[in-house]
Structure formats: C-alpha cells, structure tokens
Amino acid sequence: MTGQAMANRAMANSIERRSGVSLWRQIADQILHSIAIGDFAENAALPPEMALAERYGVNRHTVRSAIAALVQEGVLRAEQGRGTFVLSRKRLSYPIGRRTRFSAGLQGQASERRSVLLEATVEPASRRVADALKLARGSDVIRLEARGEADGQSVSRATSWFEARRFAGIDAAMAETGSITASLERFGVNDYLRQSTVLSARHADAADLADLDLRPGAIVLVTVAVNVTPDGQPIQFAETRFPAERVELKLSAL
C-alpha cells in the first residue's frame, strides 16, 4: 500500500458514521483543520472532488455538500471550470496566561474590540460554581452572559459567575463599560490573575451557533477558568467558547 493510500485510509477512519454529526459536516471540519494546520496555503486549489471522496471514504455528493458549505462560510471560493480554492483564513490569536484580558489580548489584531452583555441574572451557586469561587453551595451568584466582538465579528461567548453580595451591580457596570476588567475596577479589584484554565473542544450548541453566527457542526474551543486577586481570592469563574475557525488559543506559562 502506498503512503498516499495509507493516508487516505487514516482520513476515512476519522469519519464517524454514528456520531450524530452529518458526514458532509465532518468532511467540512476535516478540510477546515487541514487549512488551519497549513496543508493548504492561501489561494491553493483543493484536490478534485473524486480525490477528496476517496480520501475520506465517502461519495462525491457528500464532498460536494461539504465544499458548498465552506464556500458559503467564506473559507473556499469556487471558480467555474477551474476548481475550488482556499481563501485567506487568518485567525485571531488569543493568549491564555497569568493576566488574560479580552481587549488587551487582541490588541494589534483588531482595531475595535468590545464585550456585549447579553443577559444577567442572580441565581444560587451550583456545586461547580461554589467550589470554584469558594462559596457555600446555594449562595447567590451573579451570572453574566457576554459576547466578545473584534472588528464587528463575534469571536467569543462567555458565561461568568461572581459572588452576588460582593459584586452587586456588576451587570450594570458591564453593560456600561463593555469590559469585565473595567467593571471589576469599580469594586476595588485593580488587578487579577488567572489561577487555572482547563481547555477542551466540542461542537457548538444551539446558543453558541446563534450568538457566534456559526453553522451546525462548527467546533468551539472551550476554556473554563478561575480568576483570583493577587492574594489568591477567587473573584470570577468563567466558561468561554471561541469559534475554532476564527480564533486560536496561545498558551503561555501560568
């Protein structure tokens, strides 16, 4: 068996036929991944449909559906009689480190950066939230839902929890400032550090599809983080989703 045949078999084996995700979407995600890791340069031509069908072990119709979706998403362009080509897909690089800040992290990559408050509510802390914030289970916490935008494009969707007694009114501050950092400063928190970050990836759920303007089957990168004051007091527990097609996460030493 040739090296290319072995590679094609590996690609075909990576497609899950009982995963609940359509085959064409899985093929589209595989092509997105190949573009992201540099297998296809900007303006490079994709292999013919027949070759891609063989590579992934599917029929040409499935490949055609995947390509059509990526054309609609602005990843590829189709030229009649010439083929399908890769468009520029420069992703934002979001740093995860000791002092992770949304606006500062994207400085130099986007001229306009802001966080938009979508929802705010007071609720009893679940065990997960209480443990992260070192509160008694059931204590009142403020949950903020926010979307991060860069140059008008949605690049993150975050759910954050804060102790309600200490941070009463942080929702109003967030709505006014569009910044968690600026909001915390109003409560005397002039600096904070990232205590921990857990990274994962999954398919976007219905809410993320809507809020991040994604298509079904899109992948989001997920960070679950605890931020603390310099003396180690937990102040924020957050789960943030980033569209993998637009953002890459860059880790530095915590």
Protein backbone atom coordinates (compact mmCIF):
# COMPACT_ATOMS: atom_id res chain seq x y z
CA MET A 1 0.00 0.00 0.00
CA THR A 2 1.36 3.41 -0.97
CA GLY A 3 1.88 6.21 1.52
CA GLN A 4 -0.99 8.18 -0.03
CA ALA A 5 -3.31 5.19 0.19
CA MET A 6 -2.43 4.77 3.86
CA ALA A 7 -3.09 8.46 4.46
CA ASN A 8 -6.47 8.17 2.71
CA ARG A 9 -7.40 5.19 4.86
CA ALA A 10 -6.49 7.14 8.01
CA MET A 11 -8.65 10.03 6.85
CA ALA A 12 -11.57 7.72 6.11
CA ASN A 13 -11.24 6.08 9.52
CA SER A 14 -11.50 9.50 11.20
CA ILE A 15 -15.07 9.93 9.89
CA GLU A 16 -17.65 8.76 12.43
CA ARG A 17 -20.81 7.43 10.78
CA ARG A 18 -22.78 7.12 14.02
CA SER A 19 -21.67 10.30 15.74
CA GLY A 20 -24.88 12.26 15.16
CA VAL A 21 -22.93 14.80 13.06
CA SER A 22 -23.64 14.63 9.33
CA LEU A 23 -20.89 13.22 7.12
CA TRP A 24 -20.67 16.36 5.00
CA ARG A 25 -20.12 18.48 8.13
CA GLN A 26 -17.38 16.15 9.33
CA ILE A 27 -15.70 16.42 5.92
CA ALA A 28 -16.01 20.21 6.06
CA ASP A 29 -14.42 20.22 9.52
CA GLN A 30 -11.59 17.98 8.29
CA ILE A 31 -10.91 20.39 5.43
CA LEU A 32 -11.00 23.31 7.88
CA HIS A 33 -8.48 21.51 10.07
CA SER A 34 -6.21 20.85 7.09
CA ILE A 35 -6.31 24.53 6.19
CA ALA A 36 -5.64 25.55 9.79
CA ILE A 37 -2.51 23.39 10.08
CA GLY A 38 -1.15 24.60 6.75
CA ASP A 39 -1.86 21.67 4.45
CA PHE A 40 -3.42 24.12 2.01
CA ALA A 41 -1.90 27.55 1.50
CA GLU A 42 -3.92 30.68 0.74
CA ASN A 43 -5.27 30.54 -2.85
CA ALA A 44 -4.21 26.90 -3.18
CA ALA A 45 -6.54 24.63 -5.15
CA LEU A 46 -8.32 21.82 -3.34
CA PRO A 47 -7.93 18.32 -4.81
CA PRO A 48 -10.75 17.29 -7.20
CA GLU A 49 -14.00 16.03 -5.67
CA MET A 50 -13.23 12.45 -6.69
CA ALA A 51 -9.87 12.55 -4.91
CA LEU A 52 -11.44 14.01 -1.76
CA ALA A 53 -14.20 11.39 -1.86
CA GLU A 54 -11.56 8.67 -1.98
CA ARG A 55 -9.55 10.34 0.78
CA TYR A 56 -12.48 10.45 3.19
CA GLY A 57 -14.23 7.26 2.08
CA VAL A 58 -17.47 8.97 1.06
CA ASN A 59 -19.31 9.66 -2.19
CA ARG A 60 -18.85 12.77 -4.33
CA HIS A 61 -22.22 14.18 -3.29
CA THR A 62 -21.09 14.30 0.35
CA VAL A 63 -17.87 16.05 -0.64
CA ARG A 64 -19.83 18.49 -2.80
CA SER A 65 -22.08 19.36 0.16
CA ALA A 66 -19.04 19.98 2.39
CA ILE A 67 -17.41 22.23 -0.21
CA ALA A 68 -20.66 24.16 -0.77
CA ALA A 69 -20.92 24.83 2.98
CA LEU A 70 -17.33 26.09 3.16
CA VAL A 71 -17.90 28.33 0.15
CA GLN A 72 -20.93 29.80 1.92
CA GLU A 73 -18.87 30.27 5.10
CA GLY A 74 -16.21 32.19 3.17
CA VAL A 75 -13.49 29.58 3.59
CA LEU A 76 -13.35 28.48 -0.06
CA ARG A 77 -14.19 30.01 -3.41
CA ALA A 78 -15.43 28.03 -6.39
CA GLU A 79 -14.47 29.06 -9.94
CA GLN A 80 -16.42 27.56 -12.81
CA GLY A 81 -14.17 25.34 -14.89
CA ARG A 82 -11.11 25.91 -12.69
CA GLY A 83 -11.87 24.29 -9.33
CA THR A 84 -12.14 25.26 -5.67
CA PHE A 85 -9.58 27.46 -3.94
CA VAL A 86 -8.68 28.36 -0.36
CA LEU A 87 -9.41 31.91 0.74
CA SER A 88 -7.37 33.76 3.32
CA ARG A 89 -8.39 32.50 6.78
CA LYS A 90 -6.15 34.36 9.17
CA ARG A 91 -7.32 33.58 12.68
CA LEU A 92 -7.02 35.78 15.73
CA SER A 93 -4.51 34.54 18.30
CA TYR A 94 -5.89 34.81 21.83
CA PRO A 95 -3.28 34.49 24.61
CA ILE A 96 -4.02 32.49 27.76
CA GLY A 97 -1.65 33.45 30.55
CA ARG A 98 -1.34 34.92 34.03
CA ARG A 99 -3.16 38.11 33.04
CA THR A 100 -5.70 37.14 30.42
CA ARG A 101 -7.75 40.13 29.23
CA PHE A 102 -10.06 40.10 26.20
CA SER A 103 -9.33 43.55 24.79
CA ALA A 104 -5.61 43.53 25.58
CA GLY A 105 -5.23 40.01 24.21
CA LEU A 106 -6.45 41.08 20.77
CA GLN A 107 -4.59 44.38 20.69
CA GLY A 108 -2.78 44.81 17.39
CA GLN A 109 -5.01 42.22 15.71
CA ALA A 110 -8.32 44.09 15.70
CA SER A 111 -8.93 47.82 15.77
CA GLU A 112 -12.28 47.56 17.58
CA ARG A 113 -12.72 45.19 20.50
CA ARG A 114 -15.64 45.03 22.90
CA SER A 115 -17.74 42.72 25.05
CA VAL A 116 -21.52 42.91 24.76
CA LEU A 117 -23.66 41.93 27.75
CA LEU A 118 -26.41 39.58 26.56
CA GLU A 119 -28.01 38.56 29.84
CA ALA A 120 -27.58 38.93 33.59
CA THR A 121 -29.27 37.10 36.42
CA VAL A 122 -28.89 36.23 40.10
CA GLU A 123 -29.06 32.51 40.86
CA PRO A 124 -27.99 30.01 43.53
CA ALA A 125 -24.48 28.72 43.02
CA SER A 126 -24.21 25.16 41.74
CA ARG A 127 -21.62 22.90 43.33
CA ARG A 128 -19.24 23.58 40.42
CA VAL A 129 -19.57 27.36 40.73
CA ALA A 130 -19.48 27.34 44.54
CA ASP A 131 -16.32 25.22 44.61
CA ALA A 132 -14.59 27.50 42.09
CA LEU A 133 -15.47 30.68 43.99
CA LYS A 134 -15.03 29.09 47.45
CA LEU A 135 -18.63 29.80 48.43
CA ALA A 136 -21.25 27.75 50.20
CA ARG A 137 -23.37 25.79 47.75
CA GLY A 138 -26.57 27.71 47.02
CA SER A 139 -25.05 31.11 47.74
CA ASP A 140 -26.32 33.87 45.47
CA VAL A 141 -24.11 34.50 42.45
CA ILE A 142 -24.47 36.84 39.50
CA ARG A 143 -24.28 35.12 36.12
CA LEU A 144 -23.30 37.26 33.15
CA GLU A 145 -23.64 36.13 29.54
CA ALA A 146 -21.47 38.13 27.15
CA ARG A 147 -20.27 38.03 23.56
CA GLY A 148 -16.80 39.25 22.59
CA GLU A 149 -16.51 41.08 19.28
CA ALA A 150 -13.49 42.10 17.21
CA ASP A 151 -13.99 44.45 14.27
CA GLY A 152 -17.68 43.58 14.31
CA GLN A 153 -17.16 39.82 14.21
CA SER A 154 -18.21 37.52 17.05
CA VAL A 155 -15.12 35.83 18.48
CA SER A 156 -16.17 34.59 21.93
CA ARG A 157 -19.20 33.70 24.03
CA ALA A 158 -18.64 33.75 27.79
CA THR A 159 -20.61 32.77 30.88
CA SER A 160 -19.17 34.28 34.08
CA TRP A 161 -20.18 33.98 37.72
CA PHE A 162 -19.41 36.42 40.56
CA GLU A 163 -20.35 36.44 44.25
CA ALA A 164 -23.60 38.45 44.36
CA ARG A 165 -23.01 40.10 47.73
CA ARG A 166 -19.55 41.42 46.86
CA PHE A 167 -20.25 42.35 43.24
CA ALA A 168 -23.85 43.60 43.37
CA GLY A 169 -24.28 45.85 40.33
CA ILE A 170 -21.51 44.36 38.22
CA ASP A 171 -24.10 43.68 35.50
CA ALA A 172 -24.82 47.41 35.20
CA ALA A 173 -21.10 48.16 35.17
CA MET A 174 -20.56 45.57 32.45
CA ALA A 175 -23.41 46.96 30.35
CA GLU A 176 -21.90 50.44 30.62
CA THR A 177 -18.20 49.65 30.17
CA GLY A 178 -18.29 46.58 27.94
CA SER A 179 -15.35 45.22 29.93
CA ILE A 180 -15.02 42.77 32.82
CA THR A 181 -11.71 44.39 33.82
CA ALA A 182 -13.18 47.90 33.92
CA SER A 183 -16.22 46.60 35.82
CA LEU A 184 -14.09 44.89 38.46
CA GLU A 185 -12.13 48.11 38.99
CA ARG A 186 -15.34 49.71 40.24
CA PHE A 187 -15.34 47.16 43.04
CA GLY A 188 -11.74 47.85 44.04
CA VAL A 189 -10.24 44.98 42.04
CA ASN A 190 -7.43 46.74 40.18
CA ASP A 191 -5.57 43.58 39.23
CA TYR A 192 -6.36 39.89 38.98
CA LEU A 193 -4.60 36.74 37.87
CA ARG A 194 -5.57 33.56 36.10
CA GLN A 195 -5.39 30.79 38.70
CA SER A 196 -6.31 27.94 36.37
CA THR A 197 -7.53 27.22 32.85
CA VAL A 198 -8.95 23.95 31.51
CA LEU A 199 -9.11 23.65 27.72
CA SER A 200 -11.36 21.45 25.59
CA ALA A 201 -13.18 21.48 22.26
CA ARG A 202 -16.68 20.43 21.20
CA HIS A 203 -19.36 21.08 18.62
CA ALA A 204 -21.17 24.36 19.15
CA ASP A 205 -24.57 24.05 20.82
CA ALA A 206 -27.70 25.90 19.65
CA ALA A 207 -26.99 29.00 21.74
CA ASP A 208 -23.41 29.27 20.52
CA LEU A 209 -24.49 28.77 16.91
CA ALA A 210 -26.85 31.71 17.23
CA ASP A 211 -24.67 34.05 19.30
CA LEU A 212 -21.46 33.38 17.36
CA ASP A 213 -23.12 33.21 13.94
CA LEU A 214 -21.90 29.67 13.24
CA ARG A 215 -23.24 26.84 11.12
CA PRO A 216 -24.30 23.46 12.57
CA GLY A 217 -21.31 21.23 13.20
CA ALA A 218 -18.91 24.10 13.88
CA ILE A 219 -16.23 23.50 16.50
CA VAL A 220 -15.74 25.76 19.51
CA LEU A 221 -12.67 25.89 21.74
CA VAL A 222 -13.72 26.00 25.40
CA THR A 223 -11.83 27.48 28.33
CA VAL A 224 -13.00 27.01 31.92
CA ALA A 225 -11.13 29.43 34.16
CA VAL A 226 -10.85 30.83 37.67
CA ASN A 227 -9.56 34.37 38.16
CA VAL A 228 -8.26 35.48 41.55
CA THR A 229 -6.95 38.62 43.22
CA PRO A 230 -3.16 38.82 43.71
CA ASP A 231 -3.61 37.44 47.24
CA GLY A 232 -5.46 34.38 45.90
CA GLN A 233 -9.12 35.30 46.49
CA PRO A 234 -11.40 33.88 43.77
CA ILE A 235 -13.49 36.58 42.07
CA GLN A 236 -14.63 35.12 38.75
CA PHE A 237 -15.46 31.69 37.41
CA ALA A 238 -15.98 31.63 33.65
CA GLU A 239 -16.60 29.31 30.73
CA THR A 240 -15.75 30.86 27.36
CA ARG A 241 -16.34 29.44 23.90
CA PHE A 242 -14.27 30.55 20.89
CA PRO A 243 -15.11 29.61 17.27
CA ALA A 244 -12.18 27.49 16.12
CA GLU A 245 -12.46 28.79 12.58
CA ARG A 246 -11.78 32.35 13.76
CA VAL A 247 -9.64 32.07 16.89
CA GLU A 248 -6.63 30.08 18.05
CA LEU A 249 -5.62 29.91 21.71
CA LYS A 250 -1.99 30.65 22.54
CA LEU A 251 -0.83 29.33 25.91
CA SER A 252 1.84 30.94 28.00
CA ALA A 253 3.14 29.89 31.40
CA LEU A 254 0.53 30.34 34.14
